[in-house]
Amino acid sequence: MVSTEASKADLLAIAIHPDDIELSCSGTLLSHLDQGYTVGLLELTRGELGTRGTPEIRKREALDAAEKMGASFRVFLDLDDGFFSYDRASIEKIVRVIRSCNPEVVLINAPRDRHPDHGRAARLTADACYYSGLSKIETYDASGNLQARWRPKAVYHYIQDYNLEPDLIVDITGFMDRKIELVQAFRSQFYVPGDEEFAEEQNTPISGQEFIAYLRAKARTYGRTAGFEFGEGFIAARTPGVQDLFTLR
């Protein structure tokens, strides 16, 4: 079983709800794992306000997805779904995880979206990435040791329900099928062929077979603009810089 304690990771993906990561940036995570980078996952809430399933079911599904992905860990902070606060306590919980895994790159929720939690979480986590670099904000690990400050080199917002204009596209052409498998690990939320366990649950806009087809079409649309078969789009929290214009697609 994948660990629920943070450890060193090159790339940290943070989400307000279970399955946000799989839906929006898991192809990118799979691609970087394939290149030898390490990946950690941080879940801010249990998704307890979701129409289908229960928090316990969604946590099991999230751990199963993380195991299939090959992530080093998946941490759960248990903030209040829908009613989490932008306050010092919430920021420090996120900072502790960032300082525990020292990621170079952090992926976070969309800056604005249909679900109000996504934009609110984007601000909370982006600010936590900044505050994590301030030495006068003191946090302690599970053993009571003072943590060293750490600020990621880059923060990117993944794109969710709204088709926002991306600043960059990541090629996920070789990983699209595995991305769908990770999404379908959340069996209570999404269509899985032949799986009837949650058939009696209330239908939602994402629970039908057509939504899986939509995910593929969306990835094709983003990929096409960059010359890829499938792609995932990201919005940079700050303007990125390059040293070689000839490597851009």
C-alpha atoms as a PDB file:
ATOM      1  CA  MET A   1       0.000   0.000   0.000  1.00  0.00           C
ATOM      2  CA  VAL A   2       1.248   3.489  -0.844  1.00  0.00           C
ATOM      3  CA  SER A   3       2.481   5.522   2.133  1.00  0.00           C
ATOM      4  CA  THR A   4       0.294   8.185   3.763  1.00  0.00           C
ATOM      5  CA  GLU A   5       3.358   9.985   5.140  1.00  0.00           C
ATOM      6  CA  ALA A   6       5.239  12.554   3.062  1.00  0.00           C
ATOM      7  CA  SER A   7       8.802  11.830   1.924  1.00  0.00           C
ATOM      8  CA  LYS A   8      11.201  13.338  -0.617  1.00  0.00           C
ATOM      9  CA  ALA A   9       9.563  13.901  -4.002  1.00  0.00           C
ATOM     10  CA  ASP A  10      10.629  15.823  -7.088  1.00  0.00           C
ATOM     11  CA  LEU A  11       7.068  16.747  -7.998  1.00  0.00           C
ATOM     12  CA  LEU A  12       4.108  17.308  -5.653  1.00  0.00           C
ATOM     13  CA  ALA A  13       0.510  17.398  -6.908  1.00  0.00           C
ATOM     14  CA  ILE A  14      -2.022  18.992  -4.559  1.00  0.00           C
ATOM     15  CA  ALA A  15      -5.812  18.732  -4.853  1.00  0.00           C
ATOM     16  CA  ILE A  16      -8.806  19.905  -2.884  1.00  0.00           C
ATOM     17  CA  HIS A  17     -10.823  16.760  -3.761  1.00  0.00           C
ATOM     18  CA  PRO A  18      -9.970  13.103  -4.310  1.00  0.00           C
ATOM     19  CA  ASP A  19      -9.782  12.474  -8.099  1.00  0.00           C
ATOM     20  CA  ASP A  20      -8.904  16.106  -9.070  1.00  0.00           C
ATOM     21  CA  ILE A  21      -5.325  14.977  -9.699  1.00  0.00           C
ATOM     22  CA  GLU A  22      -6.260  11.931 -11.751  1.00  0.00           C
ATOM     23  CA  LEU A  23      -8.697  13.907 -13.894  1.00  0.00           C
ATOM     24  CA  SER A  24      -6.447  16.869 -14.585  1.00  0.00           C
ATOM     25  CA  CYS A  25      -2.737  16.035 -14.372  1.00  0.00           C
ATOM     26  CA  SER A  26      -2.204  12.293 -13.946  1.00  0.00           C
ATOM     27  CA  GLY A  27      -0.913  11.917 -17.511  1.00  0.00           C
ATOM     28  CA  THR A  28       1.785  14.456 -16.696  1.00  0.00           C
ATOM     29  CA  LEU A  29       2.642  12.650 -13.463  1.00  0.00           C
ATOM     30  CA  LEU A  30       2.876   9.303 -15.260  1.00  0.00           C
ATOM     31  CA  SER A  31       5.143  10.859 -17.883  1.00  0.00           C
ATOM     32  CA  HIS A  32       7.502  12.233 -15.255  1.00  0.00           C
ATOM     33  CA  LEU A  33       7.528   8.993 -13.293  1.00  0.00           C
ATOM     34  CA  ASP A  34       8.513   7.268 -16.528  1.00  0.00           C
ATOM     35  CA  GLN A  35      11.436   9.705 -16.814  1.00  0.00           C
ATOM     36  CA  GLY A  36      12.674   8.742 -13.344  1.00  0.00           C
ATOM     37  CA  TYR A  37      11.257  11.582 -11.258  1.00  0.00           C
ATOM     38  CA  THR A  38       9.524  10.900  -7.931  1.00  0.00           C
ATOM     39  CA  VAL A  39       5.954  12.039  -7.317  1.00  0.00           C
ATOM     40  CA  GLY A  40       3.953  12.755  -4.171  1.00  0.00           C
ATOM     41  CA  LEU A  41       0.251  13.529  -3.795  1.00  0.00           C
ATOM     42  CA  LEU A  42      -1.519  15.746  -1.253  1.00  0.00           C
ATOM     43  CA  GLU A  43      -5.299  15.682  -0.718  1.00  0.00           C
ATOM     44  CA  LEU A  44      -6.701  18.641   1.195  1.00  0.00           C
ATOM     45  CA  THR A  45     -10.207  17.256   1.916  1.00  0.00           C
ATOM     46  CA  ARG A  46     -11.978  13.896   1.939  1.00  0.00           C
ATOM     47  CA  GLY A  47     -14.517  14.998  -0.663  1.00  0.00           C
ATOM     48  CA  GLU A  48     -17.260  14.436   1.894  1.00  0.00           C
ATOM     49  CA  LEU A  49     -19.767  16.690   0.122  1.00  0.00           C
ATOM     50  CA  GLY A  50     -19.605  14.636  -3.082  1.00  0.00           C
ATOM     51  CA  THR A  51     -22.895  13.203  -4.341  1.00  0.00           C
ATOM     52  CA  ARG A  52     -21.639   9.640  -4.781  1.00  0.00           C
ATOM     53  CA  GLY A  53     -19.694   7.380  -2.461  1.00  0.00           C
ATOM     54  CA  THR A  54     -18.470   8.178   1.051  1.00  0.00           C
ATOM     55  CA  PRO A  55     -15.266   9.770   2.385  1.00  0.00           C
ATOM     56  CA  GLU A  56     -14.040   6.315   3.405  1.00  0.00           C
ATOM     57  CA  ILE A  57     -14.676   4.854  -0.045  1.00  0.00           C
ATOM     58  CA  ARG A  58     -13.052   7.803  -1.784  1.00  0.00           C
ATOM     59  CA  LYS A  59      -9.958   7.537   0.407  1.00  0.00           C
ATOM     60  CA  ARG A  60      -9.583   3.835  -0.456  1.00  0.00           C
ATOM     61  CA  GLU A  61     -10.010   4.680  -4.130  1.00  0.00           C
ATOM     62  CA  ALA A  62      -7.433   7.470  -3.870  1.00  0.00           C
ATOM     63  CA  LEU A  63      -4.867   5.157  -2.297  1.00  0.00           C
ATOM     64  CA  ASP A  64      -5.556   2.527  -4.954  1.00  0.00           C
ATOM     65  CA  ALA A  65      -5.033   5.117  -7.694  1.00  0.00           C
ATOM     66  CA  ALA A  66      -1.800   6.321  -6.087  1.00  0.00           C
ATOM     67  CA  GLU A  67      -0.530   2.743  -5.906  1.00  0.00           C
ATOM     68  CA  LYS A  68      -1.328   2.161  -9.579  1.00  0.00           C
ATOM     69  CA  MET A  69       0.314   5.447 -10.513  1.00  0.00           C
ATOM     70  CA  GLY A  70       3.528   4.664  -8.654  1.00  0.00           C
ATOM     71  CA  ALA A  71       3.400   7.723  -6.381  1.00  0.00           C
ATOM     72  CA  SER A  72       5.655   7.724  -3.324  1.00  0.00           C
ATOM     73  CA  PHE A  73       2.879   8.850  -1.004  1.00  0.00           C
ATOM     74  CA  ARG A  74      -0.631  10.275  -0.749  1.00  0.00           C
ATOM     75  CA  VAL A  75      -1.214  12.501   2.278  1.00  0.00           C
ATOM     76  CA  PHE A  76      -4.693  13.514   3.487  1.00  0.00           C
ATOM     77  CA  LEU A  77      -5.123  16.730   5.495  1.00  0.00           C
ATOM     78  CA  ASP A  78      -8.885  16.386   6.160  1.00  0.00           C
ATOM     79  CA  LEU A  79      -9.784  20.059   5.746  1.00  0.00           C
ATOM     80  CA  ASP A  80     -13.528  20.696   5.464  1.00  0.00           C
ATOM     81  CA  ASP A  81     -14.872  20.045   1.975  1.00  0.00           C
ATOM     82  CA  GLY A  82     -16.685  23.174   0.807  1.00  0.00           C
ATOM     83  CA  PHE A  83     -16.008  25.072   4.025  1.00  0.00           C
ATOM     84  CA  PHE A  84     -12.231  24.991   4.403  1.00  0.00           C
ATOM     85  CA  SER A  85     -10.708  28.243   5.614  1.00  0.00           C
ATOM     86  CA  TYR A  86      -7.969  30.462   4.288  1.00  0.00           C
ATOM     87  CA  ASP A  87      -6.161  30.805   7.588  1.00  0.00           C
ATOM     88  CA  ARG A  88      -2.802  30.238   9.209  1.00  0.00           C
ATOM     89  CA  ALA A  89      -3.665  26.757  10.445  1.00  0.00           C
ATOM     90  CA  SER A  90      -4.614  25.522   6.967  1.00  0.00           C
ATOM     91  CA  ILE A  91      -1.555  27.103   5.349  1.00  0.00           C
ATOM     92  CA  GLU A  92       0.787  25.613   7.937  1.00  0.00           C
ATOM     93  CA  LYS A  93      -0.634  22.117   7.356  1.00  0.00           C
ATOM     94  CA  ILE A  94       0.255  22.425   3.676  1.00  0.00           C
ATOM     95  CA  VAL A  95       3.645  23.974   4.470  1.00  0.00           C
ATOM     96  CA  ARG A  96       4.548  20.984   6.662  1.00  0.00           C
ATOM     97  CA  VAL A  97       3.997  18.632   3.735  1.00  0.00           C
ATOM     98  CA  ILE A  98       5.950  20.835   1.307  1.00  0.00           C
ATOM     99  CA  ARG A  99       8.867  21.031   3.740  1.00  0.00           C
ATOM    100  CA  SER A 100       8.720  17.274   4.285  1.00  0.00           C
ATOM    101  CA  CYS A 101       9.058  16.396   0.591  1.00  0.00           C
ATOM    102  CA  ASN A 102      11.005  19.403  -0.819  1.00  0.00           C
ATOM    103  CA  PRO A 103       9.451  19.331  -4.302  1.00  0.00           C
ATOM    104  CA  GLU A 104      11.011  21.268  -7.163  1.00  0.00           C
ATOM    105  CA  VAL A 105       7.641  21.554  -8.922  1.00  0.00           C
ATOM    106  CA  VAL A 106       4.132  21.751  -7.463  1.00  0.00           C
ATOM    107  CA  LEU A 107       0.879  21.249  -9.397  1.00  0.00           C
ATOM    108  CA  ILE A 108      -2.289  22.774  -7.913  1.00  0.00           C
ATOM    109  CA  ASN A 109      -5.992  23.333  -8.642  1.00  0.00           C
ATOM    110  CA  ALA A 110      -7.258  25.594 -11.425  1.00  0.00           C
ATOM    111  CA  PRO A 111      -7.276  29.335 -10.593  1.00  0.00           C
ATOM    112  CA  ARG A 112     -10.998  29.501 -11.420  1.00  0.00           C
ATOM    113  CA  ASP A 113     -13.508  26.806 -12.229  1.00  0.00           C
ATOM    114  CA  ARG A 114     -17.136  25.691 -12.071  1.00  0.00           C
ATOM    115  CA  HIS A 115     -16.614  24.262  -8.585  1.00  0.00           C
ATOM    116  CA  PRO A 116     -15.882  27.161  -6.200  1.00  0.00           C
ATOM    117  CA  ASP A 117     -13.548  25.008  -4.096  1.00  0.00           C
ATOM    118  CA  HIS A 118     -11.054  24.762  -6.975  1.00  0.00           C
ATOM    119  CA  GLY A 119     -10.247  28.456  -7.221  1.00  0.00           C
ATOM    120  CA  ARG A 120     -10.241  28.892  -3.457  1.00  0.00           C
ATOM    121  CA  ALA A 121      -7.864  25.950  -3.045  1.00  0.00           C
ATOM    122  CA  ALA A 122      -5.630  27.317  -5.805  1.00  0.00           C
ATOM    123  CA  ARG A 123      -5.052  30.515  -3.850  1.00  0.00           C
ATOM    124  CA  LEU A 124      -4.559  28.656  -0.557  1.00  0.00           C
ATOM    125  CA  THR A 125      -1.971  26.255  -1.982  1.00  0.00           C
ATOM    126  CA  ALA A 126      -0.138  28.810  -4.138  1.00  0.00           C
ATOM    127  CA  ASP A 127       0.275  31.044  -1.101  1.00  0.00           C
ATOM    128  CA  ALA A 128       1.388  28.079   1.018  1.00  0.00           C
ATOM    129  CA  CYS A 129       4.131  27.372  -1.546  1.00  0.00           C
ATOM    130  CA  TYR A 130       5.381  30.935  -1.044  1.00  0.00           C
ATOM    131  CA  TYR A 131       5.083  30.963   2.734  1.00  0.00           C
ATOM    132  CA  SER A 132       6.946  27.656   2.905  1.00  0.00           C
ATOM    133  CA  GLY A 133      10.061  29.611   1.938  1.00  0.00           C
ATOM    134  CA  LEU A 134       9.841  31.993   4.897  1.00  0.00           C
ATOM    135  CA  SER A 135      12.108  30.949   7.766  1.00  0.00           C
ATOM    136  CA  LYS A 136      10.108  32.905  10.363  1.00  0.00           C
ATOM    137  CA  ILE A 137       7.106  30.628   9.769  1.00  0.00           C
ATOM    138  CA  GLU A 138       8.112  27.721  11.974  1.00  0.00           C
ATOM    139  CA  THR A 139       6.708  24.241  11.448  1.00  0.00           C
ATOM    140  CA  TYR A 140       7.673  20.901  12.959  1.00  0.00           C
ATOM    141  CA  ASP A 141       7.705  17.398  11.564  1.00  0.00           C
ATOM    142  CA  ALA A 142       6.007  14.355  13.144  1.00  0.00           C
ATOM    143  CA  SER A 143       9.022  13.827  15.417  1.00  0.00           C
ATOM    144  CA  GLY A 144       8.940  17.387  16.692  1.00  0.00           C
ATOM    145  CA  ASN A 145      11.947  18.583  14.696  1.00  0.00           C
ATOM    146  CA  LEU A 146      11.987  22.123  13.306  1.00  0.00           C
ATOM    147  CA  GLN A 147      11.618  21.990   9.536  1.00  0.00           C
ATOM    148  CA  ALA A 148      13.884  23.898   7.183  1.00  0.00           C
ATOM    149  CA  ARG A 149      12.245  26.414   4.872  1.00  0.00           C
ATOM    150  CA  TRP A 150      11.618  25.314   1.291  1.00  0.00           C
ATOM    151  CA  ARG A 151      10.117  27.065  -1.706  1.00  0.00           C
ATOM    152  CA  PRO A 152       9.372  25.131  -4.926  1.00  0.00           C
ATOM    153  CA  LYS A 153      11.036  26.415  -8.086  1.00  0.00           C
ATOM    154  CA  ALA A 154       7.777  26.355 -10.046  1.00  0.00           C
ATOM    155  CA  VAL A 155       4.035  26.187  -9.364  1.00  0.00           C
ATOM    156  CA  TYR A 156       1.559  25.308 -12.124  1.00  0.00           C
ATOM    157  CA  HIS A 157      -2.240  25.242 -12.082  1.00  0.00           C
ATOM    158  CA  TYR A 158      -3.718  22.235 -13.852  1.00  0.00           C
ATOM    159  CA  ILE A 159      -6.864  22.838 -15.906  1.00  0.00           C
ATOM    160  CA  GLN A 160     -10.124  21.310 -14.689  1.00  0.00           C
ATOM    161  CA  ASP A 161     -13.739  21.683 -15.811  1.00  0.00           C
ATOM    162  CA  TYR A 162     -13.440  25.062 -17.516  1.00  0.00           C
ATOM    163  CA  ASN A 163     -11.347  24.923 -20.692  1.00  0.00           C
ATOM    164  CA  LEU A 164      -8.980  27.706 -19.687  1.00  0.00           C
ATOM    165  CA  GLU A 165      -6.214  29.007 -21.943  1.00  0.00           C
ATOM    166  CA  PRO A 166      -3.001  27.162 -20.987  1.00  0.00           C
ATOM    167  CA  ASP A 167       0.484  28.636 -20.750  1.00  0.00           C
ATOM    168  CA  LEU A 168       2.021  25.286 -21.588  1.00  0.00           C
ATOM    169  CA  ILE A 169       1.000  21.820 -22.742  1.00  0.00           C
ATOM    170  CA  VAL A 170       2.557  18.566 -21.540  1.00  0.00           C
ATOM    171  CA  ASP A 171       2.660  15.652 -23.979  1.00  0.00           C
ATOM    172  CA  ILE A 172       0.806  12.662 -22.478  1.00  0.00           C
ATOM    173  CA  THR A 173       0.409  10.717 -25.722  1.00  0.00           C
ATOM    174  CA  GLY A 174       1.921   7.510 -24.364  1.00  0.00           C
ATOM    175  CA  PHE A 175      -0.006   7.690 -21.113  1.00  0.00           C
ATOM    176  CA  MET A 176      -3.620   8.406 -22.036  1.00  0.00           C
ATOM    177  CA  ASP A 177      -4.887   4.860 -21.475  1.00  0.00           C
ATOM    178  CA  ARG A 178      -3.206   4.664 -18.076  1.00  0.00           C
ATOM    179  CA  LYS A 179      -4.657   8.046 -17.150  1.00  0.00           C
ATOM    180  CA  ILE A 180      -8.153   6.678 -17.821  1.00  0.00           C
ATOM    181  CA  GLU A 181      -7.342   3.630 -15.661  1.00  0.00           C
ATOM    182  CA  LEU A 182      -6.374   5.942 -12.796  1.00  0.00           C
ATOM    183  CA  VAL A 183      -9.580   7.947 -13.179  1.00  0.00           C
ATOM    184  CA  GLN A 184     -11.605   4.717 -13.148  1.00  0.00           C
ATOM    185  CA  ALA A 185      -9.895   3.651  -9.919  1.00  0.00           C
ATOM    186  CA  PHE A 186     -12.490   5.996  -8.396  1.00  0.00           C
ATOM    187  CA  ARG A 187     -15.218   3.460  -9.071  1.00  0.00           C
ATOM    188  CA  SER A 188     -17.813   5.283  -6.982  1.00  0.00           C
ATOM    189  CA  GLN A 189     -17.460   8.403  -9.128  1.00  0.00           C
ATOM    190  CA  PHE A 190     -16.908   7.325 -12.746  1.00  0.00           C
ATOM    191  CA  TYR A 191     -18.082   4.820 -15.313  1.00  0.00           C
ATOM    192  CA  VAL A 192     -16.237   1.495 -15.286  1.00  0.00           C
ATOM    193  CA  PRO A 193     -17.363  -1.082 -17.898  1.00  0.00           C
ATOM    194  CA  GLY A 194     -19.133  -4.023 -16.258  1.00  0.00           C
ATOM    195  CA  ASP A 195     -18.937  -2.581 -12.734  1.00  0.00           C
ATOM    196  CA  GLU A 196     -22.408  -2.481 -11.131  1.00  0.00           C
ATOM    197  CA  GLU A 197     -21.448  -1.875  -7.486  1.00  0.00           C
ATOM    198  CA  PHE A 198     -22.467   1.793  -7.557  1.00  0.00           C
ATOM    199  CA  ALA A 199     -25.201   1.503 -10.198  1.00  0.00           C
ATOM    200  CA  GLU A 200     -27.916   2.509  -7.703  1.00  0.00           C
ATOM    201  CA  GLU A 201     -26.163   5.742  -6.753  1.00  0.00           C
ATOM    202  CA  GLN A 202     -27.472   9.053  -8.066  1.00  0.00           C
ATOM    203  CA  ASN A 203     -26.164   9.927 -11.510  1.00  0.00           C
ATOM    204  CA  THR A 204     -23.951  12.995 -11.869  1.00  0.00           C
ATOM    205  CA  PRO A 205     -22.503  14.879 -14.850  1.00  0.00           C
ATOM    206  CA  ILE A 206     -19.283  12.843 -14.515  1.00  0.00           C
ATOM    207  CA  SER A 207     -20.629   9.367 -13.736  1.00  0.00           C
ATOM    208  CA  GLY A 208     -21.618   8.282 -17.255  1.00  0.00           C
ATOM    209  CA  GLN A 209     -19.725   6.600 -20.071  1.00  0.00           C
ATOM    210  CA  GLU A 210     -19.830   9.791 -22.134  1.00  0.00           C
ATOM    211  CA  PHE A 211     -17.646  11.605 -19.583  1.00  0.00           C
ATOM    212  CA  ILE A 212     -14.770   9.187 -20.174  1.00  0.00           C
ATOM    213  CA  ALA A 213     -15.056   9.887 -23.901  1.00  0.00           C
ATOM    214  CA  TYR A 214     -15.029  13.605 -23.084  1.00  0.00           C
ATOM    215  CA  LEU A 215     -11.744  13.249 -21.159  1.00  0.00           C
ATOM    216  CA  ARG A 216     -10.105  11.713 -24.217  1.00  0.00           C
ATOM    217  CA  ALA A 217     -11.502  14.411 -26.501  1.00  0.00           C
ATOM    218  CA  LYS A 218     -10.346  17.172 -24.162  1.00  0.00           C
ATOM    219  CA  ALA A 219      -6.813  15.747 -24.058  1.00  0.00           C
ATOM    220  CA  ARG A 220      -6.811  15.563 -27.861  1.00  0.00           C
ATOM    221  CA  THR A 221      -7.892  19.197 -28.085  1.00  0.00           C
ATOM    222  CA  TYR A 222      -5.145  20.447 -25.779  1.00  0.00           C
ATOM    223  CA  GLY A 223      -2.569  18.182 -27.380  1.00  0.00           C
ATOM    224  CA  ARG A 224      -3.398  19.338 -30.896  1.00  0.00           C
ATOM    225  CA  THR A 225      -2.379  22.939 -30.210  1.00  0.00           C
ATOM    226  CA  ALA A 226       1.158  21.772 -29.345  1.00  0.00           C
ATOM    227  CA  GLY A 227       1.451  19.062 -32.005  1.00  0.00           C
ATOM    228  CA  PHE A 228       0.792  16.141 -29.639  1.00  0.00           C
ATOM    229  CA  GLU A 229      -1.847  13.442 -29.926  1.00  0.00           C
ATOM    230  CA  PHE A 230      -2.870  13.951 -26.280  1.00  0.00           C
ATOM    231  CA  GLY A 231      -1.930  16.738 -23.887  1.00  0.00           C
ATOM    232  CA  GLU A 232      -2.651  18.288 -20.512  1.00  0.00           C
ATOM    233  CA  GLY A 233      -2.699  22.057 -20.108  1.00  0.00           C
ATOM    234  CA  PHE A 234      -1.205  24.116 -17.283  1.00  0.00           C
ATOM    235  CA  ILE A 235      -1.267  27.755 -16.238  1.00  0.00           C
ATOM    236  CA  ALA A 236       1.971  29.122 -14.783  1.00  0.00           C
ATOM    237  CA  ALA A 237       1.763  30.879 -11.424  1.00  0.00           C
ATOM    238  CA  ARG A 238       4.606  33.115 -12.617  1.00  0.00           C
ATOM    239  CA  THR A 239       6.092  33.763 -16.048  1.00  0.00           C
ATOM    240  CA  PRO A 240       8.432  30.876 -16.937  1.00  0.00           C
ATOM    241  CA  GLY A 241      11.854  31.495 -18.486  1.00  0.00           C
ATOM    242  CA  VAL A 242      13.819  29.443 -21.002  1.00  0.00           C
ATOM    243  CA  GLN A 243      17.434  29.438 -22.159  1.00  0.00           C
ATOM    244  CA  ASP A 244      16.883  27.677 -25.466  1.00  0.00           C
ATOM    245  CA  LEU A 245      14.078  28.766 -27.812  1.00  0.00           C
ATOM    246  CA  PHE A 246      14.727  25.806 -30.111  1.00  0.00           C
ATOM    247  CA  THR A 247      13.449  23.225 -27.611  1.00  0.00           C
ATOM    248  CA  LEU A 248       9.945  24.724 -27.478  1.00  0.00           C
ATOM    249  CA  ARG A 249       7.154  23.020 -29.415  1.00  0.00           C
END
